[in-house]
């Protein structure tokens, strides 16, 4: 309801952070940077001349161009679709808004490589740049849509009403008032989309669209040349650094915490008028492309595929492994994100910013690079952990920590630091105040973090293929082994099970995103 003045609520953020919190944050950051250290160490084995000769090859230039244009166009389209859809659902008189919200969240339940499988098995015309852009945009726009919906729900409608009273139309209010207010949510979603596009492998391999990431895996698979493959990974790290700097600069440092859960009323909705039919048709087309085509393809191959063979024991085994790994990976990444976000939000400064930014680096790297880094470290430092579930969970935590950090930060930024001060003044210790006051307020963000990371873990391919203990198979790895050999019918049951498994987490994310209004 009432914004916390910068001179009161923001004062606590500049107090010295407790050393256990700083130490924990530094340890998480160090673990996140292990893959970068591996990349730098492996790349250093190349002579400067070898590195430059390799990077100036025409093929590398082609891969670079493919990666850059996919990153720019895919991220821009995801931001445009996610933001526009969120505004239409939350700010207009769109009929059936609740149903549309659920349908627009649902593509999160369809992994990008399953989406690519659905389209490729329907028509090979999608094996092009435009097809790759379409598939990744349809797969990742919900990462922008969800936080934007949550931000719009928390935004006080009186701010927009004041702009309307000054003579601004719906378009002017959006560009001058609404978009600046929700920009942190939009930018956080855009950052996640960009990191996913840099590291995307499965969908792009099926779509036959070569990028730096697909080339890295091909390099490892064909010539086993670690230094040259990691040199390409170092280029991805460079792109990641650019994204992090841009997001940090555009987001700014303005505080957004306030006391209360938000306004209890809904502002007057913008009438669509004659545009209603066009808006409904556009949303219907988006849902059809993102959901109907891939799911219909799965069902078609499940029923008609000549290679269809349903091994129930194998399916149940893969389902159990996927559930266990997804739950453990989601919980671990969220637990590691909490101290990082607490430092970044409650104790802002150069060190806190460095710690938080460090956790994003591995998210831009292909899973195989992260896996090889952890394999190298485990063999050299703790050989007993090699090829155990511990290393696999560590890889998941490092890969998907950015998802957890974005989700937890979005919640913690809305909790005024002054509430902790009040609890302390009543006799609570620091940890007790956090447990009794802050944690309950950020619980929806923690739940969203676990759900978002669990979705990513259940669909992870390359790191799982390399690090999973012998005999451990997931729905993703079983699907990939069949789909990559063009046994679409055999792959369909695992893909469909993966979609059904993802539905509860997707539903939870959809509920959390609109919880601010409840």
Protein backbone atom coordinates (compact mmCIF):
# COMPACT_ATOMS: atom_id res chain seq x y z
CA UNK A 1 0.00 0.00 0.00
CA UNK A 2 2.43 2.66 1.20
CA UNK A 3 5.87 2.92 -0.33
CA UNK A 4 8.78 2.73 2.08
CA UNK A 5 10.75 5.98 2.03
CA UNK A 6 14.28 5.68 0.80
CA UNK A 7 15.58 7.17 3.97
CA UNK A 8 14.02 4.55 6.23
CA UNK A 9 13.42 1.26 4.49
CA UNK A 10 16.58 1.58 2.44
CA UNK A 11 18.89 2.41 5.37
CA UNK A 12 19.30 -1.18 6.51
CA UNK A 13 20.59 -2.21 3.08
CA UNK A 14 23.79 -0.24 3.65
CA UNK A 15 24.63 -1.85 7.03
CA UNK A 16 27.53 -4.26 7.08
CA UNK A 17 26.44 -7.75 6.07
CA UNK A 18 27.00 -10.54 8.63
CA UNK A 19 30.17 -12.46 7.82
CA UNK A 20 28.41 -15.89 7.64
CA UNK A 21 26.11 -14.46 4.97
CA UNK A 22 29.02 -12.98 3.03
CA UNK A 23 30.98 -16.23 3.29
CA UNK A 24 28.02 -18.30 2.11
CA UNK A 25 27.41 -15.96 -0.81
CA UNK A 26 31.07 -16.09 -1.81
CA UNK A 27 31.05 -19.91 -1.68
CA UNK A 28 27.96 -20.07 -3.91
CA UNK A 29 29.53 -17.61 -6.34
CA UNK A 30 32.78 -19.60 -6.37
CA UNK A 31 30.90 -22.81 -7.12
CA UNK A 32 29.02 -21.05 -9.92
CA UNK A 33 32.31 -19.92 -11.46
CA UNK A 34 33.88 -23.40 -11.53
CA UNK A 35 32.75 -23.95 -15.16
CA UNK A 36 34.26 -20.60 -16.16
CA UNK A 37 37.52 -21.59 -14.47
CA UNK A 38 37.48 -24.86 -16.40
CA UNK A 39 36.88 -22.99 -19.66
CA UNK A 40 39.75 -20.57 -19.00
CA UNK A 41 42.11 -23.36 -17.92
CA UNK A 42 41.32 -25.54 -20.94
CA UNK A 43 41.49 -22.65 -23.38
CA UNK A 44 44.89 -21.62 -22.00
CA UNK A 45 46.31 -24.85 -23.47
CA UNK A 46 45.98 -23.29 -26.94
CA UNK A 47 48.72 -21.10 -28.30
CA UNK A 48 47.57 -17.54 -29.11
CA UNK A 49 48.13 -18.21 -32.79
CA UNK A 50 46.08 -21.41 -32.66
CA UNK A 51 43.22 -19.62 -30.93
CA UNK A 52 43.13 -16.74 -33.39
CA UNK A 53 43.39 -19.08 -36.40
CA UNK A 54 40.48 -21.11 -35.09
CA UNK A 55 38.27 -18.09 -34.34
CA UNK A 56 38.76 -16.42 -37.75
CA UNK A 57 37.56 -19.46 -39.67
CA UNK A 58 34.50 -18.79 -41.88
CA UNK A 59 32.60 -21.57 -40.10
CA UNK A 60 33.07 -19.86 -36.72
CA UNK A 61 31.89 -16.60 -38.24
CA UNK A 62 28.76 -18.35 -39.47
CA UNK A 63 28.12 -19.87 -36.04
CA UNK A 64 28.66 -16.48 -34.43
CA UNK A 65 26.19 -14.81 -36.77
CA UNK A 66 23.61 -17.56 -36.22
CA UNK A 67 23.96 -17.22 -32.45
CA UNK A 68 23.78 -13.42 -32.41
CA UNK A 69 20.72 -13.11 -34.63
CA UNK A 70 18.88 -15.89 -32.79
CA UNK A 71 19.72 -14.22 -29.47
CA UNK A 72 18.57 -10.77 -30.59
CA UNK A 73 15.43 -11.76 -32.47
CA UNK A 74 14.37 -14.56 -30.10
CA UNK A 75 14.77 -12.40 -27.00
CA UNK A 76 13.05 -9.39 -28.58
CA UNK A 77 10.07 -11.45 -29.74
CA UNK A 78 9.79 -13.21 -26.37
CA UNK A 79 9.77 -9.84 -24.60
CA UNK A 80 7.22 -8.39 -27.01
CA UNK A 81 4.88 -11.40 -26.82
CA UNK A 82 5.23 -11.91 -23.07
CA UNK A 83 4.73 -8.23 -22.20
CA UNK A 84 1.85 -7.67 -24.63
CA UNK A 85 0.03 -10.83 -23.52
CA UNK A 86 0.47 -9.91 -19.85
CA UNK A 87 -0.89 -6.39 -20.43
CA UNK A 88 -3.89 -7.68 -22.39
CA UNK A 89 -4.76 -10.21 -19.68
CA UNK A 90 -4.27 -7.83 -16.74
CA UNK A 91 -5.29 -4.42 -18.08
CA UNK A 92 -8.07 -4.95 -20.64
CA UNK A 93 -11.63 -6.27 -20.62
CA UNK A 94 -10.51 -9.47 -22.36
CA UNK A 95 -13.24 -12.11 -21.90
CA UNK A 96 -12.18 -15.23 -19.97
CA UNK A 97 -8.99 -13.69 -18.57
CA UNK A 98 -8.43 -16.58 -16.12
CA UNK A 99 -8.58 -19.18 -18.89
CA UNK A 100 -6.26 -17.15 -21.09
CA UNK A 101 -3.78 -16.82 -18.22
CA UNK A 102 -3.64 -20.58 -17.81
CA UNK A 103 -3.26 -21.18 -21.53
CA UNK A 104 -0.48 -18.59 -21.85
CA UNK A 105 1.44 -20.19 -18.97
CA UNK A 106 0.98 -23.72 -20.33
CA UNK A 107 3.85 -23.65 -22.89
CA UNK A 108 6.25 -23.88 -19.94
CA UNK A 109 5.11 -27.48 -19.63
CA UNK A 110 6.34 -28.21 -23.16
CA UNK A 111 10.18 -28.28 -23.18
CA UNK A 112 11.88 -26.53 -26.07
CA UNK A 113 13.25 -29.77 -27.52
CA UNK A 114 9.81 -31.38 -27.32
CA UNK A 115 8.39 -28.33 -29.07
CA UNK A 116 11.08 -28.69 -31.75
CA UNK A 117 10.32 -32.39 -32.04
CA UNK A 118 6.63 -31.65 -32.51
CA UNK A 119 7.27 -29.16 -35.29
CA UNK A 120 10.02 -31.13 -37.08
CA UNK A 121 7.94 -34.30 -37.06
CA UNK A 122 5.10 -32.27 -38.59
CA UNK A 123 7.04 -30.37 -41.27
CA UNK A 124 10.73 -30.00 -42.10
CA UNK A 125 10.08 -26.45 -43.27
CA UNK A 126 10.86 -25.29 -39.72
CA UNK A 127 14.51 -26.31 -40.12
CA UNK A 128 15.60 -22.74 -40.82
CA UNK A 129 16.36 -19.49 -39.01
CA UNK A 130 12.72 -18.43 -38.98
CA UNK A 131 11.68 -21.86 -37.73
CA UNK A 132 14.27 -21.76 -34.95
CA UNK A 133 13.13 -18.28 -33.90
CA UNK A 134 9.51 -19.42 -33.85
CA UNK A 135 10.17 -22.51 -31.75
CA UNK A 136 12.39 -20.84 -29.13
CA UNK A 137 10.04 -17.86 -28.86
CA UNK A 138 7.02 -20.10 -28.34
CA UNK A 139 8.97 -22.06 -25.72
CA UNK A 140 10.45 -19.18 -23.73
CA UNK A 141 8.04 -16.22 -23.88
CA UNK A 142 6.34 -17.44 -20.63
CA UNK A 143 9.60 -16.58 -18.81
CA UNK A 144 8.73 -12.95 -19.58
CA UNK A 145 4.95 -13.30 -19.33
CA UNK A 146 4.87 -14.71 -15.78
CA UNK A 147 6.95 -12.05 -13.97
CA UNK A 148 5.25 -9.31 -15.99
CA UNK A 149 1.79 -10.50 -14.91
CA UNK A 150 2.98 -10.55 -11.30
CA UNK A 151 4.38 -7.02 -11.62
CA UNK A 152 1.15 -5.71 -13.16
CA UNK A 153 -0.85 -7.28 -10.34
CA UNK A 154 1.32 -5.48 -7.76
CA UNK A 155 1.27 -2.13 -9.54
CA UNK A 156 -1.04 0.38 -7.88
CA UNK A 157 -3.71 1.28 -10.49
CA UNK A 158 -3.96 4.80 -9.07
CA UNK A 159 -0.61 5.58 -10.68
CA UNK A 160 -2.03 4.76 -14.11
CA UNK A 161 -5.28 6.56 -13.30
CA UNK A 162 -3.38 9.77 -12.54
CA UNK A 163 -1.72 9.55 -15.96
CA UNK A 164 -5.12 9.05 -17.57
CA UNK A 165 -6.50 12.09 -15.76
CA UNK A 166 -3.66 14.12 -17.29
CA UNK A 167 -4.93 13.28 -20.76
CA UNK A 168 -2.84 10.26 -21.71
CA UNK A 169 -4.54 7.47 -23.63
CA UNK A 170 -4.03 3.76 -23.03
CA UNK A 171 -0.93 3.69 -25.24
CA UNK A 172 0.61 6.73 -23.55
CA UNK A 173 -0.07 5.36 -20.06
CA UNK A 174 1.59 2.07 -20.99
CA UNK A 175 4.78 3.61 -22.40
CA UNK A 176 5.12 6.45 -19.86
CA UNK A 177 3.93 4.83 -16.63
CA UNK A 178 3.25 1.09 -16.80
CA UNK A 179 6.31 -0.14 -18.69
CA UNK A 180 8.86 1.79 -16.55
CA UNK A 181 7.18 0.45 -13.40
CA UNK A 182 7.26 -3.20 -14.52
CA UNK A 183 10.61 -2.98 -16.30
CA UNK A 184 12.55 -4.98 -13.65
CA UNK A 185 10.23 -7.95 -14.17
CA UNK A 186 10.45 -7.66 -17.95
CA UNK A 187 14.24 -7.34 -17.86
CA UNK A 188 14.60 -10.30 -15.49
CA UNK A 189 12.54 -12.44 -17.84
CA UNK A 190 14.50 -11.20 -20.85
CA UNK A 191 17.76 -12.12 -19.12
CA UNK A 192 16.54 -15.66 -18.51
CA UNK A 193 15.42 -15.98 -22.13
CA UNK A 194 18.79 -14.73 -23.38
CA UNK A 195 20.72 -17.18 -21.20
CA UNK A 196 18.54 -20.06 -22.37
CA UNK A 197 19.04 -19.15 -26.02
CA UNK A 198 22.81 -19.05 -25.56
CA UNK A 199 22.82 -22.53 -24.03
CA UNK A 200 19.99 -24.14 -26.05
CA UNK A 201 20.99 -27.40 -27.72
CA UNK A 202 18.18 -29.94 -28.04
CA UNK A 203 15.65 -27.87 -29.97
CA UNK A 204 18.26 -26.30 -32.26
CA UNK A 205 19.85 -29.66 -33.03
CA UNK A 206 16.47 -31.08 -34.04
CA UNK A 207 15.80 -27.94 -36.09
CA UNK A 208 19.18 -28.31 -37.80
CA UNK A 209 20.10 -24.73 -36.89
CA UNK A 210 23.82 -24.55 -36.01
CA UNK A 211 24.95 -22.21 -33.23
CA UNK A 212 27.99 -21.97 -31.00
CA UNK A 213 26.36 -24.37 -28.54
CA UNK A 214 25.54 -27.07 -31.08
CA UNK A 215 29.06 -26.70 -32.49
CA UNK A 216 30.57 -27.17 -29.03
CA UNK A 217 28.83 -30.49 -28.57
CA UNK A 218 29.71 -31.60 -32.09
CA UNK A 219 33.34 -30.66 -31.45
CA UNK A 220 33.44 -32.83 -28.34
CA UNK A 221 31.63 -35.70 -30.10
CA UNK A 222 33.71 -35.81 -33.29
CA UNK A 223 37.29 -34.75 -32.60
CA UNK A 224 37.33 -34.68 -28.78
CA UNK A 225 39.13 -31.34 -28.93
CA UNK A 226 38.55 -29.78 -25.51
CA UNK A 227 40.51 -26.53 -25.95
CA UNK A 228 38.81 -25.53 -29.21
CA UNK A 229 35.35 -26.42 -27.89
CA UNK A 230 35.89 -24.44 -24.70
CA UNK A 231 37.22 -21.54 -26.76
CA UNK A 232 33.76 -21.37 -28.32
CA UNK A 233 32.29 -21.60 -24.82
CA UNK A 234 34.40 -18.60 -23.84
CA UNK A 235 32.67 -16.63 -26.58
CA UNK A 236 29.34 -17.56 -25.00
CA UNK A 237 30.62 -16.26 -21.67
CA UNK A 238 31.36 -12.97 -23.42
CA UNK A 239 27.76 -12.77 -24.63
CA UNK A 240 26.58 -13.56 -21.10
CA UNK A 241 28.67 -10.70 -19.70
CA UNK A 242 27.08 -8.29 -22.17
CA UNK A 243 23.58 -9.44 -21.18
CA UNK A 244 24.36 -9.06 -17.46
CA UNK A 245 25.74 -5.55 -17.86
CA UNK A 246 22.79 -4.46 -20.01
CA UNK A 247 20.21 -5.87 -17.60
CA UNK A 248 21.93 -4.27 -14.60
CA UNK A 249 22.20 -0.89 -16.32
CA UNK A 250 18.60 -0.86 -17.56
CA UNK A 251 17.15 -2.05 -14.25
CA UNK A 252 18.78 0.70 -12.20
CA UNK A 253 18.97 0.82 -8.42
CA UNK A 254 15.59 2.29 -7.46
CA UNK A 255 13.94 0.43 -4.58
CA UNK A 256 10.52 -1.08 -5.04
CA UNK A 257 9.66 -2.47 -1.61
CA UNK A 258 6.46 -1.44 0.12
CA UNK A 259 4.43 -2.34 3.18
CA UNK A 260 1.44 -4.58 2.46
CA UNK A 261 0.66 -7.02 -0.26
CA UNK A 262 -0.59 -4.41 -2.65
CA UNK A 263 -3.77 -2.62 -3.51
CA UNK A 264 -7.02 -4.41 -2.83
CA UNK A 265 -8.84 -3.06 -5.84
CA UNK A 266 -8.51 -3.54 -9.57
CA UNK A 267 -8.18 -0.52 -11.78
CA UNK A 268 -10.60 0.25 -14.56
CA UNK A 269 -9.84 -2.03 -17.48
CA UNK A 270 -9.13 -0.69 -20.94
CA UNK A 271 -12.01 -1.56 -23.31
CA UNK A 272 -10.83 -3.45 -26.38
CA UNK A 273 -13.78 -2.31 -28.44
CA UNK A 274 -13.43 -3.20 -32.09
CA UNK A 275 -10.01 -4.72 -31.43
CA UNK A 276 -11.46 -7.49 -29.26
CA UNK A 277 -11.91 -9.98 -32.09
CA UNK A 278 -8.38 -9.35 -33.39
CA UNK A 279 -6.88 -9.71 -29.89
CA UNK A 280 -8.73 -12.96 -29.22
CA UNK A 281 -7.69 -14.28 -32.64
CA UNK A 282 -4.05 -13.35 -31.95
CA UNK A 283 -4.04 -15.08 -28.55
CA UNK A 284 -5.73 -18.12 -30.06
CA UNK A 285 -3.05 -18.33 -32.75
CA UNK A 286 -0.30 -18.04 -30.14
CA UNK A 287 -1.79 -20.83 -28.04
CA UNK A 288 -2.33 -23.01 -31.12
CA UNK A 289 1.28 -22.62 -32.25
CA UNK A 290 2.76 -23.10 -28.78
CA UNK A 291 0.52 -25.91 -27.55
CA UNK A 292 -1.81 -27.47 -30.11
CA UNK A 293 0.81 -28.27 -32.76
CA UNK A 294 3.39 -30.00 -30.48
CA UNK A 295 0.80 -31.83 -28.37
CA UNK A 296 -1.13 -32.95 -31.46
CA UNK A 297 2.12 -34.20 -32.96
CA UNK A 298 2.88 -36.17 -29.80
CA UNK A 299 -0.55 -37.77 -29.81
CA UNK A 300 -0.34 -38.54 -33.53
CA UNK A 301 2.98 -40.33 -33.17
CA UNK A 302 1.79 -42.06 -30.02
CA UNK A 303 -1.17 -43.53 -31.89
CA UNK A 304 0.18 -44.02 -35.42
CA UNK A 305 3.94 -44.13 -35.13
CA UNK A 306 5.38 -47.33 -36.55
CA UNK A 307 8.19 -47.23 -34.01
CA UNK A 308 5.82 -46.90 -31.04
CA UNK A 309 6.57 -49.41 -28.35
CA UNK A 310 5.54 -48.78 -24.78
CA UNK A 311 7.87 -50.31 -22.22
CA UNK A 312 5.93 -49.57 -19.03
CA UNK A 313 8.76 -50.54 -16.68
CA UNK A 314 11.21 -48.29 -18.51
CA UNK A 315 8.71 -45.43 -18.57
CA UNK A 316 7.95 -45.71 -14.85
CA UNK A 317 11.64 -45.95 -14.00
CA UNK A 318 12.46 -42.85 -16.00
CA UNK A 319 9.47 -41.05 -14.46
CA UNK A 320 10.62 -41.85 -10.92
CA UNK A 321 14.18 -40.71 -11.60
CA UNK A 322 12.94 -37.50 -13.20
CA UNK A 323 10.65 -36.69 -10.26
CA UNK A 324 13.36 -37.29 -7.66
CA UNK A 325 16.04 -35.31 -9.49
CA UNK A 326 13.68 -32.44 -10.31
CA UNK A 327 12.52 -32.06 -6.69
CA UNK A 328 16.05 -32.29 -5.28
CA UNK A 329 17.51 -29.95 -7.91
CA UNK A 330 14.77 -27.37 -7.39
CA UNK A 331 15.19 -27.37 -3.62
CA UNK A 332 18.99 -27.19 -3.81
CA UNK A 333 19.13 -24.31 -6.29
CA UNK A 334 16.55 -22.34 -4.28
CA UNK A 335 18.46 -22.88 -1.04
CA UNK A 336 21.66 -21.63 -2.69
CA UNK A 337 19.87 -18.62 -4.19
CA UNK A 338 18.58 -17.29 -0.85
CA UNK A 339 21.90 -16.03 0.61
CA UNK A 340 22.94 -14.61 -2.76
CA UNK A 341 19.70 -12.68 -3.15
CA UNK A 342 19.74 -11.58 0.49
CA UNK A 343 23.15 -10.02 -0.05
CA UNK A 344 22.12 -8.39 -3.33
CA UNK A 345 18.88 -6.89 -1.98
CA UNK A 346 19.55 -6.23 1.71
CA UNK A 347 23.24 -5.29 1.57
CA UNK A 348 23.72 -3.64 -1.79
CA UNK A 349 27.24 -2.83 -2.84
CA UNK A 350 30.00 -3.84 -5.25
CA UNK A 351 30.67 -7.17 -3.51
CA UNK A 352 27.00 -8.13 -3.35
CA UNK A 353 26.53 -7.21 -7.00
CA UNK A 354 29.59 -9.24 -8.01
CA UNK A 355 28.35 -12.26 -6.07
CA UNK A 356 24.90 -12.10 -7.67
CA UNK A 357 26.19 -11.53 -11.20
CA UNK A 358 28.59 -14.47 -10.84
CA UNK A 359 25.70 -16.89 -10.46
CA UNK A 360 24.46 -16.15 -13.99
CA UNK A 361 27.63 -17.07 -15.89
CA UNK A 362 27.17 -20.84 -16.01
CA UNK A 363 23.59 -20.38 -17.21
CA UNK A 364 24.92 -19.29 -20.60
CA UNK A 365 27.11 -22.38 -21.04
CA UNK A 366 26.03 -25.67 -22.61
CA UNK A 367 25.33 -28.40 -20.10
CA UNK A 368 28.23 -30.49 -21.40
CA UNK A 369 30.75 -27.76 -20.51
CA UNK A 370 29.39 -27.52 -16.96
CA UNK A 371 29.36 -31.31 -16.72
CA UNK A 372 32.96 -31.66 -17.91
CA UNK A 373 34.05 -28.98 -15.46
CA UNK A 374 32.47 -30.84 -12.55
CA UNK A 375 33.84 -34.17 -13.78
CA UNK A 376 37.36 -32.70 -13.84
CA UNK A 377 37.00 -31.20 -10.36
CA UNK A 378 35.45 -34.31 -8.84
CA UNK A 379 38.13 -36.62 -10.27
CA UNK A 380 40.98 -34.40 -9.09
CA UNK A 381 39.58 -33.34 -5.70
CA UNK A 382 37.01 -35.93 -4.53
CA UNK A 383 37.25 -39.02 -6.76
CA UNK A 384 34.66 -40.85 -4.65
CA UNK A 385 31.97 -38.47 -5.92
CA UNK A 386 32.65 -39.14 -9.61
CA UNK A 387 29.56 -40.41 -11.43
CA UNK A 388 27.32 -40.04 -8.38
CA UNK A 389 24.04 -38.22 -8.00
CA UNK A 390 25.82 -35.60 -5.89
CA UNK A 391 27.78 -34.31 -8.88
CA UNK A 392 24.67 -34.43 -11.06
CA UNK A 393 22.70 -32.31 -8.56
CA UNK A 394 25.61 -29.90 -8.32
CA UNK A 395 25.49 -29.48 -12.10
CA UNK A 396 21.75 -28.77 -11.95
CA UNK A 397 22.27 -26.20 -9.21
CA UNK A 398 25.00 -24.40 -11.15
CA UNK A 399 23.11 -24.50 -14.45
CA UNK A 400 19.76 -23.31 -13.11
CA UNK A 401 20.77 -21.03 -10.27
CA UNK A 402 19.87 -18.00 -12.46
CA UNK A 403 16.22 -19.13 -12.51
CA UNK A 404 16.20 -19.40 -8.73
CA UNK A 405 17.95 -16.05 -8.20
CA UNK A 406 15.49 -14.20 -10.46
CA UNK A 407 12.46 -15.79 -8.76
CA UNK A 408 13.64 -15.23 -5.19
CA UNK A 409 14.82 -11.69 -5.89
CA UNK A 410 11.47 -10.70 -7.39
CA UNK A 411 9.83 -11.56 -4.04
CA UNK A 412 12.49 -10.27 -1.64
CA UNK A 413 12.67 -6.87 -3.33
CA UNK A 414 9.04 -6.28 -2.36
CA UNK A 415 9.62 -6.93 1.37
CA UNK A 416 10.60 -3.70 3.18
CA UNK A 417 13.80 -4.05 5.26
CA UNK A 418 12.03 -2.03 7.96
CA UNK A 419 9.97 -5.06 8.89
CA UNK A 420 13.13 -6.87 9.99
CA UNK A 421 14.07 -3.84 12.08
CA UNK A 422 10.70 -3.91 13.83
CA UNK A 423 11.12 -7.60 14.64
CA UNK A 424 14.60 -6.93 16.01
CA UNK A 425 13.29 -4.12 18.16
CA UNK A 426 10.84 -6.60 19.67
CA UNK A 427 13.66 -8.89 20.75
CA UNK A 428 14.13 -11.20 17.77
CA UNK A 429 17.63 -12.07 16.64
CA UNK A 430 18.60 -11.56 13.01
CA UNK A 431 17.94 -15.16 11.91
CA UNK A 432 14.74 -15.31 13.98
CA UNK A 433 13.45 -12.08 12.43
CA UNK A 434 14.16 -13.42 8.98
CA UNK A 435 12.45 -16.75 9.73
CA UNK A 436 9.36 -15.22 11.34
CA UNK A 437 8.87 -12.14 9.16
CA UNK A 438 10.69 -12.28 5.83
CA UNK A 439 10.50 -15.96 4.90
CA UNK A 440 6.68 -16.15 5.11
CA UNK A 441 6.44 -13.08 2.86
CA UNK A 442 8.80 -14.52 0.24
CA UNK A 443 7.36 -18.04 0.43
CA UNK A 444 5.51 -17.65 -2.90
CA UNK A 445 8.79 -16.65 -4.55
CA UNK A 446 10.54 -19.66 -3.03
CA UNK A 447 7.79 -21.95 -4.30
CA UNK A 448 8.04 -20.37 -7.75
CA UNK A 449 11.80 -20.87 -7.69
CA UNK A 450 11.51 -24.56 -6.84
CA UNK A 451 8.89 -25.05 -9.56
CA UNK A 452 10.85 -23.12 -12.20
CA UNK A 453 14.11 -24.97 -11.50
CA UNK A 454 12.33 -28.33 -11.30
CA UNK A 455 10.90 -27.73 -14.76
CA UNK A 456 14.40 -27.04 -16.08
CA UNK A 457 15.92 -30.06 -14.33
CA UNK A 458 13.29 -32.43 -15.71
CA UNK A 459 14.12 -31.31 -19.27
CA UNK A 460 17.92 -31.08 -19.00
CA UNK A 461 19.75 -33.26 -21.53
CA UNK A 462 23.48 -32.90 -22.02
CA UNK A 463 24.69 -32.71 -18.42
CA UNK A 464 22.36 -35.57 -17.47
CA UNK A 465 23.66 -37.77 -20.28
CA UNK A 466 27.24 -37.25 -19.11
CA UNK A 467 26.85 -37.20 -15.32
CA UNK A 468 23.95 -39.53 -14.51
CA UNK A 469 25.05 -42.61 -12.54
CA UNK A 470 25.12 -45.82 -14.53
CA UNK A 471 21.61 -47.18 -14.93
CA UNK A 472 19.92 -43.86 -14.22
CA UNK A 473 17.67 -42.65 -17.02
CA UNK A 474 15.27 -39.73 -17.13
CA UNK A 475 12.34 -38.97 -19.38
CA UNK A 476 14.50 -36.47 -21.26
CA UNK A 477 17.38 -38.84 -21.93
CA UNK A 478 15.06 -41.65 -23.02
CA UNK A 479 13.17 -39.27 -25.30
CA UNK A 480 16.40 -37.95 -26.80
CA UNK A 481 17.83 -41.39 -27.53
CA UNK A 482 14.74 -42.23 -29.60
CA UNK A 483 14.08 -38.81 -31.18
CA UNK A 484 17.68 -38.33 -32.30
CA UNK A 485 17.46 -41.64 -34.17
CA UNK A 486 14.20 -40.48 -35.82
CA UNK A 487 12.17 -43.05 -33.87
CA UNK A 488 9.44 -40.49 -33.29
CA UNK A 489 6.83 -43.02 -32.25
CA UNK A 490 9.08 -44.54 -29.59
CA UNK A 491 9.97 -41.07 -28.28
CA UNK A 492 6.35 -39.90 -28.02
CA UNK A 493 5.41 -41.65 -24.72
CA UNK A 494 8.39 -40.13 -22.91
CA UNK A 495 7.70 -36.67 -24.31
CA UNK A 496 4.03 -36.86 -23.36
CA UNK A 497 4.94 -38.05 -19.86
CA UNK A 498 7.36 -35.14 -19.58
CA UNK A 499 4.61 -32.67 -20.53
CA UNK A 500 2.16 -34.18 -18.05
CA UNK A 501 4.82 -34.17 -15.33
CA UNK A 502 5.46 -30.47 -15.94
CA UNK A 503 1.82 -29.42 -15.63
CA UNK A 504 1.67 -29.18 -11.78
CA UNK A 505 4.76 -26.96 -11.64
CA UNK A 506 3.38 -24.81 -14.46
CA UNK A 507 0.05 -24.49 -12.64
CA UNK A 508 1.88 -23.45 -9.46
CA UNK A 509 3.85 -20.79 -11.33
CA UNK A 510 0.64 -19.45 -12.84
CA UNK A 511 -1.00 -19.25 -9.41
CA UNK A 512 2.02 -17.57 -7.81
CA UNK A 513 2.16 -14.96 -10.57
CA UNK A 514 -1.39 -13.79 -9.80
CA UNK A 515 -1.10 -14.23 -6.04
CA UNK A 516 -0.33 -10.59 -5.52
CA UNK A 517 -3.94 -9.75 -6.03
CA UNK A 518 -5.34 -12.21 -3.65
